[in-house]
Amino acid sequence: MNYPIDIIWFDQDMYIVGISKNLAPSTYPQTFYPNSPSVYTLEVAAGSADRLNLNSAARGQLNCKAI
């Protein structure tokens, strides 16, 4: 990775099951995992999870225009 990212994990019902925020390129090759099993993973620019007010209780539909 070349820039900081947030990683957001979703289960099969699109509930957020984990968020890792502001992961810097220097964390490579460390691996990151959600707190619960996930089906989908979304990597976005660092700060996006906070800007979108995402938390582990959130459920929703992904709208790429919002990101």
C-alpha atoms as a PDB file:
ATOM      1  CA  MET A   1       0.000   0.000   0.000  1.00  0.00           C
ATOM      2  CA  ASN A   2       1.231   3.479  -0.815  1.00  0.00           C
ATOM      3  CA  TYR A   3      -0.951   5.642   1.431  1.00  0.00           C
ATOM      4  CA  PRO A   4      -2.907   5.277   4.719  1.00  0.00           C
ATOM      5  CA  ILE A   5      -6.211   3.427   4.549  1.00  0.00           C
ATOM      6  CA  ASP A   6      -9.209   2.383   6.635  1.00  0.00           C
ATOM      7  CA  ILE A   7     -10.372  -1.225   6.316  1.00  0.00           C
ATOM      8  CA  ILE A   8     -14.046  -1.990   6.885  1.00  0.00           C
ATOM      9  CA  TRP A   9     -15.327  -5.575   7.141  1.00  0.00           C
ATOM     10  CA  PHE A  10     -18.959  -6.612   6.561  1.00  0.00           C
ATOM     11  CA  ASP A  11     -20.859  -9.819   7.249  1.00  0.00           C
ATOM     12  CA  GLN A  12     -23.317 -11.459   4.829  1.00  0.00           C
ATOM     13  CA  ASP A  13     -26.090  -9.114   5.985  1.00  0.00           C
ATOM     14  CA  MET A  14     -23.932  -6.013   5.378  1.00  0.00           C
ATOM     15  CA  TYR A  15     -23.438  -5.292   9.081  1.00  0.00           C
ATOM     16  CA  ILE A  16     -20.034  -3.852   9.890  1.00  0.00           C
ATOM     17  CA  VAL A  17     -18.129  -6.448  11.919  1.00  0.00           C
ATOM     18  CA  GLY A  18     -14.814  -4.604  12.139  1.00  0.00           C
ATOM     19  CA  ILE A  19     -13.006  -1.390  11.297  1.00  0.00           C
ATOM     20  CA  SER A  20      -9.262  -0.738  11.306  1.00  0.00           C
ATOM     21  CA  LYS A  21      -8.535   2.957  10.904  1.00  0.00           C
ATOM     22  CA  ASN A  22      -5.627   4.964   9.565  1.00  0.00           C
ATOM     23  CA  LEU A  23      -3.342   2.055   8.682  1.00  0.00           C
ATOM     24  CA  ALA A  24      -0.067   3.475   7.441  1.00  0.00           C
ATOM     25  CA  PRO A  25       2.092   1.912   4.728  1.00  0.00           C
ATOM     26  CA  SER A  26       4.695   1.253   7.424  1.00  0.00           C
ATOM     27  CA  THR A  27       2.377  -1.405   8.934  1.00  0.00           C
ATOM     28  CA  TYR A  28       3.190  -3.725   6.008  1.00  0.00           C
ATOM     29  CA  PRO A  29       3.494  -6.758   6.219  1.00  0.00           C
ATOM     30  CA  GLN A  30       1.352  -6.837   9.382  1.00  0.00           C
ATOM     31  CA  THR A  31      -2.105  -8.371   8.806  1.00  0.00           C
ATOM     32  CA  PHE A  32      -5.416  -7.103  10.132  1.00  0.00           C
ATOM     33  CA  TYR A  33      -8.600  -9.017  10.926  1.00  0.00           C
ATOM     34  CA  PRO A  34     -12.139  -8.136  12.010  1.00  0.00           C
ATOM     35  CA  ASN A  35     -13.524  -9.116  15.421  1.00  0.00           C
ATOM     36  CA  SER A  36     -16.099 -11.430  13.811  1.00  0.00           C
ATOM     37  CA  PRO A  37     -16.189 -13.464  10.585  1.00  0.00           C
ATOM     38  CA  SER A  38     -16.638 -11.332   7.490  1.00  0.00           C
ATOM     39  CA  VAL A  39     -17.689 -11.861   3.899  1.00  0.00           C
ATOM     40  CA  TYR A  40     -16.830  -8.469   2.371  1.00  0.00           C
ATOM     41  CA  THR A  41     -13.885  -6.131   2.829  1.00  0.00           C
ATOM     42  CA  LEU A  42     -13.724  -2.506   1.799  1.00  0.00           C
ATOM     43  CA  GLU A  43     -10.478  -0.511   1.766  1.00  0.00           C
ATOM     44  CA  VAL A  44     -10.903   3.265   1.634  1.00  0.00           C
ATOM     45  CA  ALA A  45      -8.745   6.333   2.140  1.00  0.00           C
ATOM     46  CA  ALA A  46      -7.745   6.930   5.767  1.00  0.00           C
ATOM     47  CA  GLY A  47     -10.294   9.030   7.598  1.00  0.00           C
ATOM     48  CA  SER A  48     -13.246   7.822   5.513  1.00  0.00           C
ATOM     49  CA  ALA A  49     -14.692   5.658   8.306  1.00  0.00           C
ATOM     50  CA  ASP A  50     -14.756   8.643  10.660  1.00  0.00           C
ATOM     51  CA  ARG A  51     -16.019  11.048   7.999  1.00  0.00           C
ATOM     52  CA  LEU A  52     -18.904   8.668   7.243  1.00  0.00           C
ATOM     53  CA  ASN A  53     -19.540   8.040  10.965  1.00  0.00           C
ATOM     54  CA  LEU A  54     -19.186   4.284  10.535  1.00  0.00           C
ATOM     55  CA  ASN A  55     -19.173   2.027  13.576  1.00  0.00           C
ATOM     56  CA  SER A  56     -19.579  -1.655  14.333  1.00  0.00           C
ATOM     57  CA  ALA A  57     -23.318  -1.302  14.873  1.00  0.00           C
ATOM     58  CA  ALA A  58     -23.884   0.172  11.411  1.00  0.00           C
ATOM     59  CA  ARG A  59     -25.632  -1.654   8.624  1.00  0.00           C
ATOM     60  CA  GLY A  60     -26.236  -0.317   5.236  1.00  0.00           C
ATOM     61  CA  GLN A  61     -25.941  -0.221   1.563  1.00  0.00           C
ATOM     62  CA  LEU A  62     -22.631   0.733   0.023  1.00  0.00           C
ATOM     63  CA  ASN A  63     -22.811   3.915  -1.982  1.00  0.00           C
ATOM     64  CA  CYS A  64     -19.533   4.415  -3.799  1.00  0.00           C
ATOM     65  CA  LYS A  65     -20.334   8.072  -4.486  1.00  0.00           C
ATOM     66  CA  ALA A  66     -20.266   8.754  -0.719  1.00  0.00           C
ATOM     67  CA  ILE A  67     -16.747   7.385  -0.411  1.00  0.00           C
END
